[in-house]
Amino acid sequence: MNPLLEIAEVSVGQHYYWELGGYELHGQVLITSWVVLAIIATLSLLGNRDLKPTPDGFQNFTELVTEFIRDLAKTQIGEEDYLKWYLF
C-alpha cells in the first residue's frame, strides 16, 4: 500500500482520552490546542521583542494580523460591542 494513503487513513472511534481530576479529556484536542498556543505565543514574542515606531519585517506582519482580527471583530460584532471581546 502507498505510504501516503496510510498516513491519510482515518481511524473512526480510536481516540486518546485522559482522566484528570475527575474529568475526561480528549487527548488529540488537548495536544493540538497546546501546540497551536505555543506557536502563537512564540510568534507573538518574536514579532514584538524589538518594537519600532515605523514597523518593518516581522513586526509589520504581526501588526497586519492584529489589525485584520480587529477589523473582522468590528464587522462581525459591531462598532459598539467589539471592544468587549477584542481586548488588544
Protein backbone atom coordinates (compact mmCIF):
# COMPACT_ATOMS: atom_id res chain seq x y z
CA MET A 1 0.00 0.00 0.00
CA ASN A 2 1.13 3.55 -0.69
CA PRO A 3 2.65 5.13 2.49
CA LEU A 4 0.82 8.41 1.83
CA LEU A 5 -2.51 6.62 1.87
CA GLU A 6 -1.64 5.06 5.23
CA ILE A 7 -0.90 8.49 6.71
CA ALA A 8 -4.19 9.91 5.42
CA GLU A 9 -6.23 6.99 6.77
CA VAL A 10 -8.79 8.00 9.37
CA SER A 11 -9.47 5.57 12.19
CA VAL A 12 -13.01 6.04 13.38
CA GLY A 13 -13.58 5.50 17.07
CA GLN A 14 -9.94 5.35 18.16
CA HIS A 15 -9.20 8.37 20.30
CA TYR A 16 -6.99 9.09 23.28
CA TYR A 17 -8.86 10.01 26.43
CA TRP A 18 -7.13 11.01 29.65
CA GLU A 19 -8.61 11.13 33.13
CA LEU A 20 -7.52 14.23 35.08
CA GLY A 21 -9.12 15.36 38.30
CA GLY A 22 -12.34 13.50 37.63
CA TYR A 23 -12.62 14.95 34.11
CA GLU A 24 -12.20 13.04 30.87
CA LEU A 25 -10.00 14.91 28.38
CA HIS A 26 -9.75 14.25 24.66
CA GLY A 27 -6.01 13.76 24.08
CA GLN A 28 -5.71 14.83 20.44
CA VAL A 29 -7.65 18.04 21.01
CA LEU A 30 -5.59 18.90 24.08
CA ILE A 31 -2.26 18.26 22.34
CA THR A 32 -3.27 20.19 19.22
CA SER A 33 -4.52 23.13 21.30
CA TRP A 34 -1.25 23.33 23.24
CA VAL A 35 0.86 23.12 20.06
CA VAL A 36 -1.14 25.92 18.41
CA LEU A 37 -0.94 28.00 21.60
CA ALA A 38 2.85 27.53 21.71
CA ILE A 39 3.19 28.56 18.05
CA ILE A 40 1.07 31.69 18.56
CA ALA A 41 2.96 32.65 21.74
CA THR A 42 6.34 32.14 20.05
CA LEU A 43 5.36 34.21 17.01
CA SER A 44 3.97 36.95 19.26
CA LEU A 45 7.14 37.13 21.33
CA LEU A 46 9.39 37.13 18.27
CA GLY A 47 7.32 39.76 16.49
CA ASN A 48 7.11 42.14 19.44
CA ARG A 49 10.52 41.94 21.09
CA ASP A 50 12.07 44.95 19.33
CA LEU A 51 9.22 47.35 18.60
CA LYS A 52 9.86 50.34 16.35
CA PRO A 53 7.66 53.39 15.66
CA THR A 54 7.75 52.53 11.95
CA PRO A 55 7.25 48.76 11.69
CA ASP A 56 9.25 46.68 9.27
CA GLY A 57 9.79 43.00 8.68
CA PHE A 58 8.07 40.61 11.06
CA GLN A 59 6.63 43.42 13.22
CA ASN A 60 4.83 44.67 10.12
CA PHE A 61 3.31 41.21 9.59
CA THR A 62 2.16 40.89 13.23
CA GLU A 63 0.52 44.33 13.08
CA LEU A 64 -1.22 43.33 9.85
CA VAL A 65 -2.63 40.20 11.53
CA THR A 66 -3.68 42.19 14.61
CA GLU A 67 -5.49 44.80 12.52
CA PHE A 68 -7.14 42.10 10.40
CA ILE A 69 -8.55 40.37 13.50
CA ARG A 70 -9.68 43.73 14.95
CA ASP A 71 -11.47 44.70 11.74
CA LEU A 72 -13.04 41.26 11.47
CA ALA A 73 -14.35 41.52 15.04
CA LYS A 74 -15.62 45.03 14.37
CA THR A 75 -17.64 43.97 11.32
CA GLN A 76 -18.97 40.77 12.87
CA ILE A 77 -19.80 42.01 16.38
CA GLY A 78 -20.49 45.69 15.68
CA GLU A 79 -18.78 49.02 16.27
CA GLU A 80 -20.21 49.48 19.76
CA ASP A 81 -19.65 45.98 21.17
CA TYR A 82 -16.47 44.61 19.61
CA LEU A 83 -14.11 46.17 22.20
CA LYS A 84 -15.63 43.96 24.93
CA TRP A 85 -14.47 40.88 23.03
CA TYR A 86 -11.35 42.22 21.31
CA LEU A 87 -9.15 43.40 24.14
CA PHE A 88 -5.95 44.28 22.29
